[in-house]
N, C-alpha and C. Protein backbone atom coordinates (compact mmCIF):
# COMPACT_ATOMS: atom_id res chain seq x y z
N MET A 1 -1.18 4.10 15.86
CA MET A 1 -1.91 2.93 15.36
C MET A 1 -1.35 1.60 15.83
N LYS A 2 -2.00 0.83 16.69
CA LYS A 2 -1.42 -0.65 17.10
C LYS A 2 -0.95 -1.43 16.27
N LYS A 3 0.03 -2.05 16.40
CA LYS A 3 0.77 -3.26 15.54
C LYS A 3 -0.43 -4.07 15.06
N GLU A 4 -1.22 -4.59 15.92
CA GLU A 4 -2.36 -5.42 15.54
C GLU A 4 -3.41 -5.07 14.45
N GLU A 5 -3.43 -3.57 14.19
CA GLU A 5 -4.47 -3.28 13.35
C GLU A 5 -4.03 -2.85 12.04
N LYS A 6 -2.70 -2.97 11.90
CA LYS A 6 -2.27 -2.85 10.50
C LYS A 6 -2.36 -3.97 9.55
N LEU A 7 -3.00 -3.54 8.54
CA LEU A 7 -3.63 -4.29 7.56
C LEU A 7 -2.75 -4.44 6.14
N ILE A 8 -1.73 -3.43 6.12
CA ILE A 8 -0.47 -3.36 5.36
C ILE A 8 0.86 -3.44 5.84
N SER A 9 1.77 -4.10 5.34
CA SER A 9 3.09 -4.18 6.05
C SER A 9 3.84 -3.80 4.83
N LYS A 10 5.69 -3.46 5.10
CA LYS A 10 6.49 -3.19 4.01
C LYS A 10 6.74 -4.45 3.39
N ASP A 11 6.28 -5.71 3.85
CA ASP A 11 6.79 -6.88 3.27
C ASP A 11 5.65 -7.60 2.51
N MET A 12 4.67 -7.03 2.30
CA MET A 12 3.53 -7.25 1.36
C MET A 12 3.84 -7.25 -0.17
N VAL A 13 3.63 -8.31 -0.86
CA VAL A 13 4.06 -8.26 -2.33
C VAL A 13 2.78 -7.18 -3.25
N ILE A 14 3.62 -6.48 -3.74
CA ILE A 14 2.73 -5.15 -4.73
C ILE A 14 1.25 -5.89 -5.10
N ALA A 15 1.49 -6.87 -5.80
CA ALA A 15 0.36 -7.32 -6.58
C ALA A 15 -0.76 -8.01 -5.50
N GLU A 16 -0.27 -8.57 -4.48
CA GLU A 16 -1.33 -8.95 -3.39
C GLU A 16 -1.95 -7.92 -2.79
N LEU A 17 -1.06 -6.68 -2.52
CA LEU A 17 -2.00 -5.46 -1.84
C LEU A 17 -3.04 -5.10 -2.82
N VAL A 18 -2.82 -4.95 -4.22
CA VAL A 18 -3.52 -4.34 -5.08
C VAL A 18 -4.29 -5.19 -5.36
N GLU A 19 -4.40 -6.52 -5.46
CA GLU A 19 -5.72 -7.43 -5.42
C GLU A 19 -6.74 -7.41 -3.97
N LYS A 20 -5.93 -7.24 -2.97
CA LYS A 20 -6.79 -7.20 -1.48
C LYS A 20 -7.47 -5.88 -1.52
N TYR A 21 -6.55 -4.77 -2.15
CA TYR A 21 -7.27 -3.75 -1.45
C TYR A 21 -7.19 -2.58 -3.08
N PRO A 22 -8.16 -3.01 -4.14
CA PRO A 22 -7.93 -2.49 -5.24
C PRO A 22 -7.96 -0.66 -5.58
N ASP A 23 -8.68 -0.43 -4.55
CA ASP A 23 -8.82 1.27 -4.62
C ASP A 23 -7.72 1.74 -3.89
N LEU A 24 -6.64 1.06 -3.36
CA LEU A 24 -5.41 1.60 -3.02
C LEU A 24 -4.46 1.77 -4.44
N ALA A 25 -4.80 0.93 -5.30
CA ALA A 25 -3.79 1.00 -6.60
C ALA A 25 -3.84 2.76 -6.99
N MET A 26 -4.89 3.25 -7.13
CA MET A 26 -4.94 4.87 -7.50
C MET A 26 -4.46 5.38 -6.18
N VAL A 27 -4.22 4.80 -5.29
CA VAL A 27 -3.45 5.78 -4.09
C VAL A 27 -1.79 5.73 -4.35
N LEU A 28 -1.42 4.47 -4.74
CA LEU A 28 -0.19 4.24 -5.02
C LEU A 28 0.28 5.09 -6.26
N VAL A 29 -0.34 4.86 -7.34
CA VAL A 29 -0.09 5.58 -8.55
C VAL A 29 -0.26 7.14 -8.32
N GLU A 30 -0.97 7.98 -7.87
CA GLU A 30 -1.25 9.19 -7.81
C GLU A 30 -0.36 9.80 -6.66
N ASP A 31 -0.31 9.27 -5.44
CA ASP A 31 0.23 10.02 -4.16
C ASP A 31 1.59 9.38 -4.47
N TYR A 32 2.41 8.24 -4.65
CA TYR A 32 3.63 7.65 -4.84
C TYR A 32 4.00 7.07 -5.88
N GLY A 33 3.68 7.55 -7.04
CA GLY A 33 4.31 7.29 -8.05
C GLY A 33 4.53 5.97 -8.60
N PHE A 34 3.89 4.96 -8.00
CA PHE A 34 3.88 3.61 -8.21
C PHE A 34 3.21 3.22 -9.57
N HIS A 35 3.86 3.93 -10.75
CA HIS A 35 3.07 3.47 -12.06
C HIS A 35 3.28 2.00 -12.59
N CYS A 36 3.92 1.21 -11.92
CA CYS A 36 4.20 -0.32 -12.23
C CYS A 36 3.27 -1.09 -11.44
N ILE A 37 2.46 -0.58 -11.06
CA ILE A 37 1.51 -1.89 -10.26
C ILE A 37 1.09 -3.02 -11.23
N GLY A 38 0.97 -2.54 -12.39
CA GLY A 38 0.76 -3.80 -13.38
C GLY A 38 1.66 -4.48 -13.99
N CYS A 39 3.29 -4.19 -13.74
CA CYS A 39 4.23 -4.83 -14.30
C CYS A 39 4.22 -5.97 -13.65
N PHE A 40 5.35 -6.78 -14.40
CA PHE A 40 5.36 -7.99 -14.11
C PHE A 40 6.06 -8.13 -12.71
N ALA A 41 7.18 -7.11 -12.59
CA ALA A 41 7.87 -6.94 -11.04
C ALA A 41 6.75 -6.93 -10.15
N SER A 42 5.64 -6.62 -10.07
CA SER A 42 4.82 -6.08 -8.90
C SER A 42 4.06 -7.29 -8.24
N GLY A 43 4.52 -8.53 -9.23
CA GLY A 43 4.06 -9.95 -8.42
C GLY A 43 5.19 -10.58 -7.53
N MET A 44 6.49 -9.74 -7.75
CA MET A 44 7.33 -10.29 -7.00
C MET A 44 8.08 -9.28 -5.97
N GLU A 45 8.07 -8.07 -6.26
CA GLU A 45 8.37 -7.29 -5.34
C GLU A 45 7.45 -6.84 -4.24
N THR A 46 8.28 -6.70 -3.08
CA THR A 46 7.48 -6.28 -1.62
C THR A 46 7.03 -4.74 -1.88
N LEU A 47 6.42 -4.11 -1.13
CA LEU A 47 5.97 -2.59 -1.13
C LEU A 47 7.13 -1.99 -0.60
N GLU A 48 8.00 -2.51 0.18
CA GLU A 48 9.21 -1.48 0.36
C GLU A 48 10.25 -1.89 -0.80
N GLN A 49 10.52 -2.77 -1.32
CA GLN A 49 11.27 -3.05 -2.72
C GLN A 49 10.87 -2.17 -3.93
N GLY A 50 9.26 -2.15 -3.72
CA GLY A 50 9.18 -1.15 -4.74
C GLY A 50 9.35 0.40 -4.80
N ALA A 51 9.15 0.68 -3.38
CA ALA A 51 9.32 2.09 -2.82
C ALA A 51 10.93 2.33 -3.46
N MET A 52 11.56 1.66 -2.66
CA MET A 52 13.24 1.78 -2.93
C MET A 52 13.50 2.06 -4.28
N VAL A 53 13.15 1.50 -5.27
CA VAL A 53 13.08 1.25 -6.78
C VAL A 53 12.95 2.74 -7.24
N HIS A 54 11.76 3.37 -6.59
CA HIS A 54 11.31 4.49 -6.94
C HIS A 54 11.96 5.78 -6.25
N GLY A 55 13.09 5.49 -5.47
CA GLY A 55 13.79 6.67 -4.78
C GLY A 55 13.46 6.98 -3.32
N MET A 56 12.15 6.27 -2.53
CA MET A 56 11.89 6.75 -1.45
C MET A 56 12.85 5.74 -0.47
N GLY A 57 12.99 6.33 0.70
CA GLY A 57 14.02 6.17 1.88
C GLY A 57 13.20 5.50 2.90
N LYS A 58 13.84 5.04 3.87
CA LYS A 58 13.15 4.18 4.98
C LYS A 58 12.10 5.00 5.85
N GLU A 59 12.36 6.05 5.81
CA GLU A 59 11.49 6.72 6.53
C GLU A 59 10.07 7.21 5.89
N ASP A 60 10.21 7.64 4.34
CA ASP A 60 9.24 7.84 3.58
C ASP A 60 8.27 6.86 3.41
N ILE A 61 9.06 5.13 3.27
CA ILE A 61 8.42 4.32 3.50
C ILE A 61 7.44 3.91 4.55
N LYS A 62 7.99 3.93 5.61
CA LYS A 62 7.13 4.37 7.15
C LYS A 62 6.08 4.91 7.00
N VAL A 63 6.36 6.31 6.59
CA VAL A 63 5.06 7.15 6.57
C VAL A 63 4.42 6.88 5.55
N MET A 64 4.26 6.43 4.36
CA MET A 64 3.52 5.77 3.18
C MET A 64 2.81 4.66 3.58
N ILE A 65 3.43 3.65 4.64
CA ILE A 65 2.48 2.28 4.99
C ILE A 65 1.77 2.98 6.09
N GLU A 66 2.12 3.75 6.88
CA GLU A 66 1.11 4.24 8.22
C GLU A 66 -0.12 5.08 7.40
N ASN A 67 -0.12 6.13 6.37
CA ASN A 67 -0.85 6.58 5.57
C ASN A 67 -1.79 5.46 4.94
N LEU A 68 -1.16 4.59 4.21
CA LEU A 68 -1.97 3.43 3.57
C LEU A 68 -2.65 2.87 4.79
N ASN A 69 -2.32 2.71 5.71
CA ASN A 69 -3.42 1.70 7.00
C ASN A 69 -4.04 2.45 7.39
N GLU A 70 -3.94 3.65 7.61
CA GLU A 70 -4.83 4.90 8.25
C GLU A 70 -6.20 5.10 7.31
N LEU A 71 -5.88 4.97 6.02
CA LEU A 71 -6.89 5.05 4.94
C LEU A 71 -7.83 3.74 4.98
N LEU A 72 -7.21 2.54 4.92
CA LEU A 72 -7.57 1.35 5.21
C LEU A 72 -8.83 1.61 6.32
N MET A 73 -8.20 1.94 7.62
CA MET A 73 -8.88 1.95 9.07
C MET A 73 -9.88 2.91 9.05
N SER A 74 -9.75 4.03 8.42
CA SER A 74 -10.75 5.07 8.40
C SER A 74 -11.94 4.82 7.55
N GLU A 75 -11.75 3.97 6.31
CA GLU A 75 -12.75 3.05 5.67
C GLU A 75 -13.47 2.28 6.28
N LYS A 76 -12.72 1.43 7.21
CA LYS A 76 -13.42 0.08 7.84
C LYS A 76 -14.14 0.85 9.12
N ASN A 77 -13.65 1.85 9.72
CA ASN A 77 -14.55 2.36 10.87
C ASN A 77 -15.78 3.24 10.39
N SER A 78 -15.57 3.92 9.18
CA SER A 78 -16.68 4.40 8.67
C SER A 78 -17.66 3.64 8.13
N GLY A 79 -17.28 2.51 7.59
CA GLY A 79 -18.20 1.61 7.08
C GLY A 79 -18.22 1.54 5.48
N LYS A 80 -17.44 2.78 4.84
CA LYS A 80 -17.38 2.97 3.48
C LYS A 80 -16.31 1.92 3.04
N SER A 81 -16.29 0.78 2.14
CA SER A 81 -15.56 -0.05 1.83
C SER A 81 -15.13 0.38 0.31
N LYS A 82 -14.28 1.14 0.05
CA LYS A 82 -13.72 1.15 -1.34
C LYS A 82 -12.39 0.31 -1.57
N THR A 83 -11.83 -0.49 -0.79
CA THR A 83 -10.77 -1.36 -0.70
C THR A 83 -11.07 -2.74 -0.66
N GLY A 84 -12.48 -3.24 -0.90
CA GLY A 84 -12.56 -4.63 -1.08
C GLY A 84 -13.04 -4.89 0.02
N ASN A 85 -12.91 -4.44 1.20
CA ASN A 85 -13.03 -5.27 2.68
C ASN A 85 -14.37 -4.48 3.47
């Protein structure tokens, strides 16, 4: 995936990500164990910080972000927007 196509980065605040792409909340909870997406820390923590708190390493974080971006791009390209875009 080209850099300019990425919609999500490791530096996005979790609450902002969930607000912009609400359907990703379930992906974060079910696939990555982010059960705290509604807690106060999600308004301050980046995706990378939250992942590290949940025990993910840098490579796992990179793969998660790639997967989230691929999900968004596939929805965008198919015209099916479950993520608010």
